[in-house]
């Protein structure tokens, strides 16, 4: 998906197009978050530091990515 297509879809008056864009953003955000959490762990960040940076508890981020 191109950024231009996503931006255009977000501005659409068509609910189907707009909701597709919301879903695409959610999926992208999840992938970016997972990659950044993995990078933080490789850099020896604690679960507490990662949770603080993301505005969540260390427990919730550990449950999500601690496998």
PDB file of N, CA and C in Angstrom:
ATOM      1  N   UNK A   1       0.856  -1.168   0.000  1.00  0.00           N
ATOM      2  CA  UNK A   1       0.000   0.000   0.000  1.00  0.00           C
ATOM      3  C   UNK A   1       0.901   1.229   0.000  1.00  0.00           C
ATOM      4  N   UNK A   2       0.570   2.165  -0.826  1.00  0.00           N
ATOM      5  CA  UNK A   2       1.346   3.399  -0.874  1.00  0.00           C
ATOM      6  C   UNK A   2       0.802   4.400   0.132  1.00  0.00           C
ATOM      7  N   UNK A   3       1.659   5.278   0.571  1.00  0.00           N
ATOM      8  CA  UNK A   3       1.246   6.324   1.506  1.00  0.00           C
ATOM      9  C   UNK A   3       0.196   7.211   0.859  1.00  0.00           C
ATOM     10  N   UNK A   4       0.383   7.531  -0.403  1.00  0.00           N
ATOM     11  CA  UNK A   4      -0.584   8.378  -1.107  1.00  0.00           C
ATOM     12  C   UNK A   4      -1.970   7.728  -1.145  1.00  0.00           C
ATOM     13  N   UNK A   5      -2.009   6.427  -1.379  1.00  0.00           N
ATOM     14  CA  UNK A   5      -3.301   5.723  -1.418  1.00  0.00           C
ATOM     15  C   UNK A   5      -3.954   5.749  -0.041  1.00  0.00           C
ATOM     16  N   UNK A   6      -3.161   5.553   0.989  1.00  0.00           N
ATOM     17  CA  UNK A   6      -3.702   5.567   2.342  1.00  0.00           C
ATOM     18  C   UNK A   6      -4.217   6.947   2.717  1.00  0.00           C
ATOM     19  N   UNK A   7      -3.471   7.982   2.412  1.00  0.00           N
ATOM     20  CA  UNK A   7      -3.909   9.353   2.709  1.00  0.00           C
ATOM     21  C   UNK A   7      -5.195   9.671   1.968  1.00  0.00           C
ATOM     22  N   UNK A   8      -5.264   9.280   0.711  1.00  0.00           N
ATOM     23  CA  UNK A   8      -6.467   9.508  -0.081  1.00  0.00           C
ATOM     24  C   UNK A   8      -7.659   8.762   0.513  1.00  0.00           C
ATOM     25  N   UNK A   9      -7.432   7.522   0.927  1.00  0.00           N
ATOM     26  CA  UNK A   9      -8.510   6.723   1.506  1.00  0.00           C
ATOM     27  C   UNK A   9      -8.999   7.327   2.817  1.00  0.00           C
ATOM     28  N   UNK A  10      -8.093   7.876   3.604  1.00  0.00           N
ATOM     29  CA  UNK A  10      -8.484   8.496   4.872  1.00  0.00           C
ATOM     30  C   UNK A  10      -9.364   9.720   4.659  1.00  0.00           C
ATOM     31  N   UNK A  11      -9.180  10.393   3.538  1.00  0.00           N
ATOM     32  CA  UNK A  11      -9.959  11.597   3.241  1.00  0.00           C
ATOM     33  C   UNK A  11     -11.266  11.295   2.511  1.00  0.00           C
ATOM     34  N   UNK A  12     -11.496  10.040   2.187  1.00  0.00           N
ATOM     35  CA  UNK A  12     -12.670   9.654   1.412  1.00  0.00           C
ATOM     36  C   UNK A  12     -13.963   9.833   2.191  1.00  0.00           C
ATOM     37  N   UNK A  13     -15.024  10.182   1.477  1.00  0.00           N
ATOM     38  CA  UNK A  13     -16.367  10.246   2.059  1.00  0.00           C
ATOM     39  C   UNK A  13     -17.053   8.878   2.037  1.00  0.00           C
ATOM     40  N   UNK A  14     -16.459   7.916   1.346  1.00  0.00           N
ATOM     41  CA  UNK A  14     -17.029   6.569   1.256  1.00  0.00           C
ATOM     42  C   UNK A  14     -16.644   5.783   2.506  1.00  0.00           C
ATOM     43  N   UNK A  15     -17.624   5.358   3.306  1.00  0.00           N
ATOM     44  CA  UNK A  15     -17.304   4.630   4.535  1.00  0.00           C
ATOM     45  C   UNK A  15     -16.472   3.365   4.299  1.00  0.00           C
ATOM     46  N   UNK A  16     -16.738   2.635   3.245  1.00  0.00           N
ATOM     47  CA  UNK A  16     -15.978   1.412   2.984  1.00  0.00           C
ATOM     48  C   UNK A  16     -14.501   1.730   2.769  1.00  0.00           C
ATOM     49  N   UNK A  17     -14.235   2.795   2.040  1.00  0.00           N
ATOM     50  CA  UNK A  17     -12.864   3.201   1.782  1.00  0.00           C
ATOM     51  C   UNK A  17     -12.210   3.710   3.068  1.00  0.00           C
ATOM     52  N   UNK A  18     -12.928   4.521   3.818  1.00  0.00           N
ATOM     53  CA  UNK A  18     -12.390   5.049   5.066  1.00  0.00           C
ATOM     54  C   UNK A  18     -12.111   3.963   6.087  1.00  0.00           C
ATOM     55  N   UNK A  19     -13.013   3.008   6.194  1.00  0.00           N
ATOM     56  CA  UNK A  19     -12.804   1.918   7.143  1.00  0.00           C
ATOM     57  C   UNK A  19     -11.669   1.008   6.707  1.00  0.00           C
ATOM     58  N   UNK A  20     -11.495   0.805   5.406  1.00  0.00           N
ATOM     59  CA  UNK A  20     -10.341   0.063   4.909  1.00  0.00           C
ATOM     60  C   UNK A  20      -9.061   0.765   5.362  1.00  0.00           C
ATOM     61  N   UNK A  21      -9.044   2.092   5.282  1.00  0.00           N
ATOM     62  CA  UNK A  21      -7.862   2.855   5.680  1.00  0.00           C
ATOM     63  C   UNK A  21      -7.594   2.718   7.179  1.00  0.00           C
ATOM     64  N   UNK A  22      -8.647   2.731   7.987  1.00  0.00           N
ATOM     65  CA  UNK A  22      -8.488   2.545   9.434  1.00  0.00           C
ATOM     66  C   UNK A  22      -7.855   1.182   9.723  1.00  0.00           C
ATOM     67  N   UNK A  23      -8.361   0.147   9.077  1.00  0.00           N
ATOM     68  CA  UNK A  23      -7.810  -1.194   9.262  1.00  0.00           C
ATOM     69  C   UNK A  23      -6.349  -1.236   8.830  1.00  0.00           C
ATOM     70  N   UNK A  24      -6.041  -0.632   7.705  1.00  0.00           N
ATOM     71  CA  UNK A  24      -4.657  -0.615   7.219  1.00  0.00           C
ATOM     72  C   UNK A  24      -3.746   0.101   8.208  1.00  0.00           C
ATOM     73  N   UNK A  25      -4.209   1.196   8.788  1.00  0.00           N
ATOM     74  CA  UNK A  25      -3.407   1.919   9.782  1.00  0.00           C
ATOM     75  C   UNK A  25      -3.188   1.081  11.038  1.00  0.00           C
ATOM     76  N   UNK A  26      -4.227   0.386  11.481  1.00  0.00           N
ATOM     77  CA  UNK A  26      -4.081  -0.477  12.659  1.00  0.00           C
ATOM     78  C   UNK A  26      -3.031  -1.547  12.425  1.00  0.00           C
ATOM     79  N   UNK A  27      -3.116  -2.193  11.275  1.00  0.00           N
ATOM     80  CA  UNK A  27      -2.153  -3.258  10.963  1.00  0.00           C
ATOM     81  C   UNK A  27      -0.734  -2.701  10.862  1.00  0.00           C
ATOM     82  N   UNK A  28      -0.602  -1.551  10.246  1.00  0.00           N
ATOM     83  CA  UNK A  28       0.708  -0.924  10.139  1.00  0.00           C
ATOM     84  C   UNK A  28       1.248  -0.562  11.514  1.00  0.00           C
ATOM     85  N   UNK A  29       0.406   0.014  12.354  1.00  0.00           N
ATOM     86  CA  UNK A  29       0.830   0.397  13.706  1.00  0.00           C
ATOM     87  C   UNK A  29       1.276  -0.827  14.507  1.00  0.00           C
ATOM     88  N   UNK A  30       0.577  -1.931  14.380  1.00  0.00           N
ATOM     89  CA  UNK A  30       0.961  -3.155  15.088  1.00  0.00           C
ATOM     90  C   UNK A  30       2.334  -3.647  14.634  1.00  0.00           C
ATOM     91  N   UNK A  31       2.574  -3.614  13.321  1.00  0.00           N
ATOM     92  CA  UNK A  31       3.877  -4.061  12.808  1.00  0.00           C
ATOM     93  C   UNK A  31       4.997  -3.142  13.273  1.00  0.00           C
ATOM     94  N   UNK A  32       4.748  -1.842  13.220  1.00  0.00           N
ATOM     95  CA  UNK A  32       5.761  -0.873  13.651  1.00  0.00           C
ATOM     96  C   UNK A  32       6.043  -1.055  15.144  1.00  0.00           C
ATOM     97  N   UNK A  33       4.990  -1.200  15.940  1.00  0.00           N
ATOM     98  CA  UNK A  33       5.170  -1.395  17.378  1.00  0.00           C
ATOM     99  C   UNK A  33       5.993  -2.649  17.659  1.00  0.00           C
ATOM    100  N   UNK A  34       5.661  -3.756  17.031  1.00  0.00           N
ATOM    101  CA  UNK A  34       6.393  -5.011  17.243  1.00  0.00           C
ATOM    102  C   UNK A  34       7.862  -4.853  16.879  1.00  0.00           C
ATOM    103  N   UNK A  35       8.129  -4.199  15.763  1.00  0.00           N
ATOM    104  CA  UNK A  35       9.518  -3.990  15.349  1.00  0.00           C
ATOM    105  C   UNK A  35      10.271  -3.113  16.333  1.00  0.00           C
ATOM    106  N   UNK A  36       9.619  -2.074  16.837  1.00  0.00           N
ATOM    107  CA  UNK A  36      10.283  -1.167  17.772  1.00  0.00           C
ATOM    108  C   UNK A  36      10.482  -1.809  19.140  1.00  0.00           C
ATOM    109  N   UNK A  37       9.536  -2.613  19.580  1.00  0.00           N
ATOM    110  CA  UNK A  37       9.713  -3.334  20.835  1.00  0.00           C
ATOM    111  C   UNK A  37      10.888  -4.305  20.712  1.00  0.00           C
ATOM    112  N   UNK A  38      10.971  -5.001  19.609  1.00  0.00           N
ATOM    113  CA  UNK A  38      12.089  -5.921  19.399  1.00  0.00           C
ATOM    114  C   UNK A  38      13.417  -5.163  19.387  1.00  0.00           C
ATOM    115  N   UNK A  39      13.450  -4.005  18.750  1.00  0.00           N
ATOM    116  CA  UNK A  39      14.674  -3.201  18.726  1.00  0.00           C
ATOM    117  C   UNK A  39      15.045  -2.720  20.128  1.00  0.00           C
ATOM    118  N   UNK A  40      14.043  -2.326  20.895  1.00  0.00           N
ATOM    119  CA  UNK A  40      14.299  -1.876  22.267  1.00  0.00           C
ATOM    120  C   UNK A  40      14.849  -3.025  23.113  1.00  0.00           C
ATOM    121  N   UNK A  41      14.297  -4.210  22.958  1.00  0.00           N
ATOM    122  CA  UNK A  41      14.799  -5.352  23.720  1.00  0.00           C
ATOM    123  C   UNK A  41      16.233  -5.693  23.316  1.00  0.00           C
ATOM    124  N   UNK A  42      16.532  -5.610  22.016  1.00  0.00           N
ATOM    125  CA  UNK A  42      17.907  -5.856  21.565  1.00  0.00           C
ATOM    126  C   UNK A  42      18.864  -4.824  22.146  1.00  0.00           C
ATOM    127  N   UNK A  43      18.349  -3.629  22.410  1.00  0.00           N
ATOM    128  CA  UNK A  43      19.155  -2.550  22.999  1.00  0.00           C
ATOM    129  C   UNK A  43      19.140  -2.608  24.529  1.00  0.00           C
ATOM    130  N   UNK A  44      18.656  -3.735  25.069  1.00  0.00           N
ATOM    131  CA  UNK A  44      18.615  -3.981  26.515  1.00  0.00           C
ATOM    132  C   UNK A  44      17.677  -3.079  27.297  1.00  0.00           C
ATOM    133  N   UNK A  45      16.625  -2.597  26.659  1.00  0.00           N
ATOM    134  CA  UNK A  45      15.601  -1.854  27.385  1.00  0.00           C
ATOM    135  C   UNK A  45      14.810  -2.840  28.230  1.00  0.00           C
ATOM    136  N   UNK A  46      14.398  -2.390  29.392  1.00  0.00           N
ATOM    137  CA  UNK A  46      13.541  -3.216  30.247  1.00  0.00           C
ATOM    138  C   UNK A  46      12.094  -3.130  29.759  1.00  0.00           C
ATOM    139  N   UNK A  47      11.299  -4.090  30.221  1.00  0.00           N
ATOM    140  CA  UNK A  47       9.872  -4.039  29.897  1.00  0.00           C
ATOM    141  C   UNK A  47       9.253  -2.778  30.474  1.00  0.00           C
ATOM    142  N   UNK A  48       9.741  -2.322  31.620  1.00  0.00           N
ATOM    143  CA  UNK A  48       9.237  -1.093  32.228  1.00  0.00           C
ATOM    144  C   UNK A  48       9.511   0.112  31.326  1.00  0.00           C
ATOM    145  N   UNK A  49      10.732   0.207  30.794  1.00  0.00           N
ATOM    146  CA  UNK A  49      11.073   1.327  29.905  1.00  0.00           C
ATOM    147  C   UNK A  49      10.199   1.327  28.652  1.00  0.00           C
ATOM    148  N   UNK A  50      10.006   0.151  28.090  1.00  0.00           N
ATOM    149  CA  UNK A  50       9.189   0.043  26.878  1.00  0.00           C
ATOM    150  C   UNK A  50       7.738   0.414  27.191  1.00  0.00           C
ATOM    151  N   UNK A  51       7.210  -0.124  28.279  1.00  0.00           N
ATOM    152  CA  UNK A  51       5.847   0.210  28.669  1.00  0.00           C
ATOM    153  C   UNK A  51       5.668   1.700  28.903  1.00  0.00           C
ATOM    154  N   UNK A  52       6.639   2.309  29.598  1.00  0.00           N
ATOM    155  CA  UNK A  52       6.575   3.754  29.835  1.00  0.00           C
ATOM    156  C   UNK A  52       6.566   4.535  28.523  1.00  0.00           C
ATOM    157  N   UNK A  53       7.413   4.116  27.590  1.00  0.00           N
ATOM    158  CA  UNK A  53       7.507   4.814  26.297  1.00  0.00           C
ATOM    159  C   UNK A  53       6.207   4.695  25.504  1.00  0.00           C
ATOM    160  N   UNK A  54       5.510   3.583  25.678  1.00  0.00           N
ATOM    161  CA  UNK A  54       4.259   3.355  24.944  1.00  0.00           C
ATOM    162  C   UNK A  54       3.020   3.757  25.734  1.00  0.00           C
ATOM    163  N   UNK A  55       3.211   4.178  26.978  1.00  0.00           N
ATOM    164  CA  UNK A  55       2.072   4.608  27.789  1.00  0.00           C
ATOM    165  C   UNK A  55       1.208   3.471  28.288  1.00  0.00           C
ATOM    166  N   UNK A  56       1.835   2.307  28.480  1.00  0.00           N
ATOM    167  CA  UNK A  56       1.125   1.138  29.003  1.00  0.00           C
ATOM    168  C   UNK A  56       1.948   0.544  30.136  1.00  0.00           C
ATOM    169  N   UNK A  57       1.378  -0.445  30.821  1.00  0.00           N
ATOM    170  CA  UNK A  57       2.126  -1.076  31.902  1.00  0.00           C
ATOM    171  C   UNK A  57       3.177  -2.031  31.353  1.00  0.00           C
ATOM    172  N   UNK A  58       4.187  -2.278  32.160  1.00  0.00           N
ATOM    173  CA  UNK A  58       5.218  -3.235  31.745  1.00  0.00           C
ATOM    174  C   UNK A  58       4.619  -4.625  31.593  1.00  0.00           C
ATOM    175  N   UNK A  59       3.626  -4.926  32.443  1.00  0.00           N
ATOM    176  CA  UNK A  59       2.990  -6.240  32.362  1.00  0.00           C
ATOM    177  C   UNK A  59       2.269  -6.424  31.033  1.00  0.00           C
ATOM    178  N   UNK A  60       1.546  -5.405  30.600  1.00  0.00           N
ATOM    179  CA  UNK A  60       0.781  -5.573  29.361  1.00  0.00           C
ATOM    180  C   UNK A  60       1.697  -5.709  28.152  1.00  0.00           C
ATOM    181  N   UNK A  61       2.788  -4.984  28.134  1.00  0.00           N
ATOM    182  CA  UNK A  61       3.689  -5.095  26.986  1.00  0.00           C
ATOM    183  C   UNK A  61       4.440  -6.420  27.017  1.00  0.00           C
ATOM    184  N   UNK A  62       4.760  -6.903  28.221  1.00  0.00           N
ATOM    185  CA  UNK A  62       5.431  -8.193  28.341  1.00  0.00           C
ATOM    186  C   UNK A  62       4.517  -9.333  27.914  1.00  0.00           C
ATOM    187  N   UNK A  63       3.251  -9.261  28.295  1.00  0.00           N
ATOM    188  CA  UNK A  63       2.292 -10.289  27.878  1.00  0.00           C
ATOM    189  C   UNK A  63       2.176 -10.318  26.352  1.00  0.00           C
ATOM    190  N   UNK A  64       2.173  -9.129  25.754  1.00  0.00           N
ATOM    191  CA  UNK A  64       1.990  -9.035  24.298  1.00  0.00           C
ATOM    192  C   UNK A  64       3.220  -9.501  23.526  1.00  0.00           C
ATOM    193  N   UNK A  65       4.437  -9.164  24.024  1.00  0.00           N
ATOM    194  CA  UNK A  65       5.644  -9.421  23.243  1.00  0.00           C
ATOM    195  C   UNK A  65       6.699 -10.281  23.946  1.00  0.00           C
ATOM    196  N   UNK A  66       6.434 -10.733  25.152  1.00  0.00           N
ATOM    197  CA  UNK A  66       7.458 -11.402  25.925  1.00  0.00           C
ATOM    198  C   UNK A  66       7.756 -12.847  25.574  1.00  0.00           C
ATOM    199  N   UNK A  67       7.191 -13.337  24.516  1.00  0.00           N
ATOM    200  CA  UNK A  67       7.378 -14.737  24.144  1.00  0.00           C
ATOM    201  C   UNK A  67       8.791 -15.022  23.676  1.00  0.00           C
TER     202      UNK A  67
END
